[in-house]
Amino acid sequence: MMIIGYQGIERYDPKIWFQKVSNEVDSTCYRGALANDLSNRLITQDMTKQEVINLLGEPDRISLNDMKYEMDFSLGFCSMADYNSLIIHLNSSERVENVHTRQH
């Protein structure tokens, strides 16, 4: 479930994840470095939907089996072209199947 391509390796910090983003940092990859730690250490396969919500808060959207952290909890402007989102795919039992990022 490793996510690659983000600068830096930072451990998940709820203060950073839940921090309101100012206009100054909105165009940076402000949560991008947390993505690796989330996918490699904290969000594990078979974790329940509620456990993910307890860790990251309510997703911005849920569609089909995907929990999408893409607006209030975007990773930031982590690519050359657009903002990036954290997507957590759940199986039919509402347990984590995989974690990936998506460019908007």
N, C-alpha and C. Protein backbone atom coordinates (compact mmCIF):
# COMPACT_ATOMS: atom_id res chain seq x y z
N MET A 1 0.82 -1.20 0.00
CA MET A 1 0.00 0.00 0.00
C MET A 1 0.86 1.25 0.00
N MET A 2 2.11 1.17 -0.36
CA MET A 2 3.00 2.33 -0.30
C MET A 2 2.63 3.39 -1.33
N ILE A 3 2.70 4.62 -0.90
CA ILE A 3 2.48 5.76 -1.78
C ILE A 3 3.84 6.41 -2.00
N ILE A 4 4.19 6.65 -3.23
CA ILE A 4 5.48 7.26 -3.52
C ILE A 4 5.29 8.60 -4.20
N GLY A 5 6.34 9.39 -4.24
CA GLY A 5 6.30 10.62 -5.00
C GLY A 5 6.15 11.89 -4.18
N TYR A 6 5.98 11.78 -2.87
CA TYR A 6 5.84 12.97 -2.04
C TYR A 6 7.16 13.28 -1.38
N GLN A 7 7.50 14.55 -1.33
CA GLN A 7 8.76 14.97 -0.71
C GLN A 7 8.68 14.81 0.80
N GLY A 8 9.73 14.26 1.37
CA GLY A 8 9.82 14.14 2.82
C GLY A 8 9.04 12.96 3.34
N ILE A 9 9.48 12.51 4.47
CA ILE A 9 8.78 11.43 5.16
C ILE A 9 8.50 11.95 6.56
N GLU A 10 7.25 12.22 6.82
CA GLU A 10 6.86 12.73 8.12
C GLU A 10 5.89 11.75 8.75
N ARG A 11 5.96 11.64 10.05
CA ARG A 11 5.00 10.82 10.76
C ARG A 11 3.69 11.60 10.84
N TYR A 12 2.62 10.84 10.81
CA TYR A 12 1.29 11.45 10.90
C TYR A 12 1.18 12.25 12.19
N ASP A 13 0.72 13.46 12.05
CA ASP A 13 0.50 14.34 13.19
C ASP A 13 -0.90 14.90 13.05
N PRO A 14 -1.80 14.55 13.98
CA PRO A 14 -3.17 15.06 13.88
C PRO A 14 -3.24 16.58 13.84
N LYS A 15 -2.29 17.27 14.47
CA LYS A 15 -2.30 18.73 14.44
C LYS A 15 -2.13 19.24 13.01
N ILE A 16 -1.26 18.58 12.25
CA ILE A 16 -1.06 18.97 10.85
C ILE A 16 -2.26 18.56 10.02
N TRP A 17 -2.75 17.34 10.22
CA TRP A 17 -3.88 16.85 9.42
C TRP A 17 -5.11 17.70 9.60
N PHE A 18 -5.44 18.06 10.82
CA PHE A 18 -6.68 18.80 11.11
C PHE A 18 -6.52 20.31 11.07
N GLN A 19 -5.31 20.81 10.85
CA GLN A 19 -5.07 22.24 10.82
C GLN A 19 -5.80 22.89 9.65
N LYS A 20 -6.45 23.99 9.91
CA LYS A 20 -7.06 24.78 8.84
C LYS A 20 -5.95 25.36 7.99
N VAL A 21 -6.16 25.36 6.70
CA VAL A 21 -5.12 25.78 5.77
C VAL A 21 -5.32 27.24 5.39
N SER A 22 -4.26 28.01 5.52
CA SER A 22 -4.32 29.42 5.15
C SER A 22 -4.08 29.55 3.65
N ASN A 23 -4.36 30.71 3.12
CA ASN A 23 -4.11 30.97 1.70
C ASN A 23 -2.64 30.84 1.35
N GLU A 24 -1.75 31.15 2.30
CA GLU A 24 -0.31 31.08 2.06
C GLU A 24 0.16 29.66 1.77
N VAL A 25 -0.37 28.68 2.49
CA VAL A 25 0.10 27.30 2.30
C VAL A 25 -0.81 26.48 1.39
N ASP A 26 -1.90 27.06 0.94
CA ASP A 26 -2.86 26.32 0.11
C ASP A 26 -2.24 25.80 -1.18
N SER A 27 -1.23 26.46 -1.70
CA SER A 27 -0.63 26.01 -2.95
C SER A 27 0.60 25.14 -2.73
N THR A 28 0.80 24.67 -1.50
CA THR A 28 1.93 23.77 -1.20
C THR A 28 1.40 22.35 -0.99
N CYS A 29 2.31 21.43 -0.83
CA CYS A 29 1.96 20.02 -0.58
C CYS A 29 1.92 19.80 0.94
N TYR A 30 1.06 20.54 1.62
CA TYR A 30 1.06 20.63 3.08
C TYR A 30 0.76 19.34 3.81
N ARG A 31 0.03 18.42 3.24
CA ARG A 31 -0.23 17.13 3.89
C ARG A 31 0.39 15.96 3.13
N GLY A 32 1.03 16.24 2.03
CA GLY A 32 1.57 15.19 1.17
C GLY A 32 2.56 14.26 1.84
N ALA A 33 3.45 14.81 2.66
CA ALA A 33 4.44 13.97 3.32
C ALA A 33 3.82 13.02 4.33
N LEU A 34 2.63 13.32 4.79
CA LEU A 34 1.94 12.43 5.73
C LEU A 34 1.37 11.20 5.03
N ALA A 35 1.18 11.28 3.71
CA ALA A 35 0.53 10.20 2.97
C ALA A 35 1.27 8.88 3.08
N ASN A 36 2.60 8.91 3.03
CA ASN A 36 3.37 7.68 3.15
C ASN A 36 3.17 7.02 4.51
N ASP A 37 3.24 7.81 5.57
CA ASP A 37 3.07 7.25 6.91
C ASP A 37 1.66 6.69 7.09
N LEU A 38 0.68 7.41 6.58
CA LEU A 38 -0.69 6.92 6.69
C LEU A 38 -0.84 5.57 5.99
N SER A 39 -0.31 5.46 4.78
CA SER A 39 -0.52 4.23 4.01
C SER A 39 0.40 3.10 4.43
N ASN A 40 1.58 3.41 4.95
CA ASN A 40 2.54 2.37 5.30
C ASN A 40 2.44 1.89 6.74
N ARG A 41 1.93 2.73 7.61
CA ARG A 41 1.97 2.38 9.02
C ARG A 41 0.61 2.45 9.71
N LEU A 42 -0.19 3.44 9.39
CA LEU A 42 -1.39 3.69 10.18
C LEU A 42 -2.68 3.13 9.59
N ILE A 43 -2.84 3.24 8.30
CA ILE A 43 -4.05 2.71 7.68
C ILE A 43 -3.69 1.33 7.14
N THR A 44 -4.19 0.32 7.80
CA THR A 44 -3.83 -1.05 7.45
C THR A 44 -5.01 -1.76 6.79
N GLN A 45 -4.67 -2.78 6.00
CA GLN A 45 -5.73 -3.56 5.39
C GLN A 45 -6.58 -4.18 6.49
N ASP A 46 -7.85 -4.25 6.24
CA ASP A 46 -8.85 -4.76 7.17
C ASP A 46 -9.22 -3.79 8.29
N MET A 47 -8.62 -2.60 8.31
CA MET A 47 -9.05 -1.57 9.25
C MET A 47 -10.49 -1.22 8.90
N THR A 48 -11.32 -0.95 9.88
CA THR A 48 -12.72 -0.64 9.60
C THR A 48 -12.88 0.81 9.14
N LYS A 49 -13.98 1.05 8.49
CA LYS A 49 -14.34 2.40 8.05
C LYS A 49 -14.35 3.35 9.25
N GLN A 50 -14.92 2.92 10.36
CA GLN A 50 -15.00 3.77 11.55
C GLN A 50 -13.63 4.05 12.12
N GLU A 51 -12.72 3.09 12.07
CA GLU A 51 -11.36 3.32 12.56
C GLU A 51 -10.65 4.38 11.71
N VAL A 52 -10.88 4.36 10.40
CA VAL A 52 -10.31 5.39 9.53
C VAL A 52 -10.88 6.75 9.88
N ILE A 53 -12.19 6.82 10.08
CA ILE A 53 -12.84 8.08 10.45
C ILE A 53 -12.31 8.58 11.79
N ASN A 54 -12.10 7.68 12.74
CA ASN A 54 -11.55 8.08 14.04
C ASN A 54 -10.16 8.69 13.88
N LEU A 55 -9.39 8.20 12.92
CA LEU A 55 -8.02 8.68 12.69
C LEU A 55 -7.99 9.98 11.89
N LEU A 56 -8.78 10.04 10.81
CA LEU A 56 -8.67 11.14 9.85
C LEU A 56 -9.86 12.09 9.83
N GLY A 57 -10.91 11.77 10.55
CA GLY A 57 -12.12 12.58 10.49
C GLY A 57 -13.02 12.10 9.36
N GLU A 58 -14.18 12.69 9.28
CA GLU A 58 -15.13 12.33 8.22
C GLU A 58 -14.54 12.68 6.86
N PRO A 59 -14.64 11.78 5.90
CA PRO A 59 -14.13 12.11 4.57
C PRO A 59 -14.97 13.21 3.93
N ASP A 60 -14.38 13.88 2.96
CA ASP A 60 -15.11 14.92 2.25
C ASP A 60 -16.23 14.31 1.42
N ARG A 61 -15.98 13.12 0.90
CA ARG A 61 -17.01 12.41 0.12
C ARG A 61 -16.82 10.91 0.27
N ILE A 62 -17.93 10.22 0.16
CA ILE A 62 -17.89 8.76 0.04
C ILE A 62 -18.68 8.43 -1.21
N SER A 63 -18.04 7.75 -2.15
CA SER A 63 -18.74 7.33 -3.36
C SER A 63 -18.39 5.86 -3.61
N LEU A 64 -19.42 5.10 -3.82
CA LEU A 64 -19.26 3.64 -3.93
C LEU A 64 -18.51 3.16 -2.69
N ASN A 65 -17.35 2.60 -2.87
CA ASN A 65 -16.58 2.11 -1.72
C ASN A 65 -15.35 2.96 -1.44
N ASP A 66 -15.32 4.18 -1.93
CA ASP A 66 -14.16 5.05 -1.75
C ASP A 66 -14.45 6.17 -0.76
N MET A 67 -13.56 6.29 0.23
CA MET A 67 -13.58 7.42 1.15
C MET A 67 -12.60 8.43 0.57
N LYS A 68 -13.07 9.63 0.26
CA LYS A 68 -12.24 10.61 -0.42
C LYS A 68 -11.95 11.81 0.48
N TYR A 69 -10.66 12.01 0.72
CA TYR A 69 -10.20 13.18 1.46
C TYR A 69 -9.60 14.10 0.42
N GLU A 70 -10.44 15.04 -0.08
CA GLU A 70 -10.02 15.80 -1.26
C GLU A 70 -10.30 17.30 -1.20
N MET A 71 -11.02 17.75 -0.23
CA MET A 71 -11.31 19.17 -0.16
C MET A 71 -10.76 19.72 1.15
N ASP A 72 -11.50 19.60 2.22
CA ASP A 72 -11.03 20.08 3.52
C ASP A 72 -9.76 19.36 3.95
N PHE A 73 -9.61 18.10 3.53
CA PHE A 73 -8.44 17.31 3.92
C PHE A 73 -7.60 16.91 2.71
N SER A 74 -7.51 17.76 1.73
CA SER A 74 -6.65 17.54 0.57
C SER A 74 -5.20 17.40 1.03
N LEU A 75 -4.39 16.70 0.24
CA LEU A 75 -2.95 16.62 0.53
C LEU A 75 -2.25 17.91 0.15
N GLY A 76 -2.88 18.69 -0.67
CA GLY A 76 -2.31 19.94 -1.13
C GLY A 76 -1.91 19.86 -2.59
N PHE A 77 -1.18 20.84 -3.02
CA PHE A 77 -0.74 20.96 -4.41
C PHE A 77 0.57 20.19 -4.54
N CYS A 78 0.48 18.86 -4.68
CA CYS A 78 1.64 17.98 -4.62
C CYS A 78 2.19 17.59 -5.98
N SER A 79 1.54 17.97 -7.02
CA SER A 79 2.02 17.66 -8.37
C SER A 79 2.15 18.96 -9.14
N MET A 80 2.67 18.87 -10.30
CA MET A 80 2.89 20.07 -11.10
C MET A 80 1.58 20.68 -11.58
N ALA A 81 0.51 19.90 -11.63
CA ALA A 81 -0.69 20.36 -12.30
C ALA A 81 -1.88 20.65 -11.39
N ASP A 82 -1.99 19.97 -10.25
CA ASP A 82 -3.24 20.11 -9.50
C ASP A 82 -3.09 19.59 -8.08
N TYR A 83 -4.17 19.70 -7.33
CA TYR A 83 -4.23 19.19 -5.96
C TYR A 83 -4.33 17.68 -5.95
N ASN A 84 -3.91 17.08 -4.83
CA ASN A 84 -3.95 15.64 -4.68
C ASN A 84 -4.85 15.25 -3.52
N SER A 85 -5.48 14.09 -3.66
CA SER A 85 -6.41 13.59 -2.66
C SER A 85 -5.93 12.25 -2.14
N LEU A 86 -6.33 11.94 -0.93
CA LEU A 86 -6.12 10.62 -0.35
C LEU A 86 -7.41 9.84 -0.53
N ILE A 87 -7.31 8.67 -1.14
CA ILE A 87 -8.48 7.83 -1.40
C ILE A 87 -8.28 6.50 -0.67
N ILE A 88 -9.26 6.12 0.11
CA ILE A 88 -9.23 4.86 0.83
C ILE A 88 -10.35 4.00 0.29
N HIS A 89 -9.96 2.88 -0.33
CA HIS A 89 -10.94 1.98 -0.93
C HIS A 89 -11.32 0.90 0.08
N LEU A 90 -12.62 0.75 0.28
CA LEU A 90 -13.15 -0.24 1.22
C LEU A 90 -13.71 -1.43 0.46
N ASN A 91 -13.63 -2.59 1.07
CA ASN A 91 -14.25 -3.77 0.46
C ASN A 91 -15.74 -3.82 0.83
N SER A 92 -16.41 -4.88 0.44
CA SER A 92 -17.86 -4.97 0.68
C SER A 92 -18.20 -5.07 2.17
N SER A 93 -17.23 -5.39 3.01
CA SER A 93 -17.44 -5.45 4.46
C SER A 93 -17.07 -4.14 5.15
N GLU A 94 -16.82 -3.09 4.34
CA GLU A 94 -16.43 -1.77 4.83
C GLU A 94 -15.14 -1.81 5.63
N ARG A 95 -14.18 -2.57 5.10
CA ARG A 95 -12.82 -2.63 5.64
C ARG A 95 -11.85 -2.18 4.57
N VAL A 96 -10.73 -1.59 4.97
CA VAL A 96 -9.76 -1.06 4.04
C VAL A 96 -9.21 -2.16 3.13
N GLU A 97 -9.28 -1.88 1.85
CA GLU A 97 -8.70 -2.78 0.86
C GLU A 97 -7.38 -2.20 0.34
N ASN A 98 -7.37 -0.90 0.05
CA ASN A 98 -6.13 -0.23 -0.36
C ASN A 98 -6.24 1.27 -0.18
N VAL A 99 -5.09 1.91 -0.24
CA VAL A 99 -4.98 3.36 -0.08
C VAL A 99 -4.17 3.88 -1.25
N HIS A 100 -4.63 4.96 -1.85
CA HIS A 100 -3.86 5.58 -2.93
C HIS A 100 -4.15 7.08 -2.98
N THR A 101 -3.40 7.77 -3.79
CA THR A 101 -3.65 9.19 -3.99
C THR A 101 -4.14 9.40 -5.40
N ARG A 102 -4.78 10.52 -5.60
CA ARG A 102 -5.32 10.86 -6.92
C ARG A 102 -5.14 12.35 -7.14
N GLN A 103 -4.72 12.68 -8.33
CA GLN A 103 -4.63 14.07 -8.73
C GLN A 103 -6.00 14.50 -9.24
N HIS A 104 -6.48 15.65 -8.82
CA HIS A 104 -7.81 16.12 -9.25
C HIS A 104 -7.83 16.40 -10.73
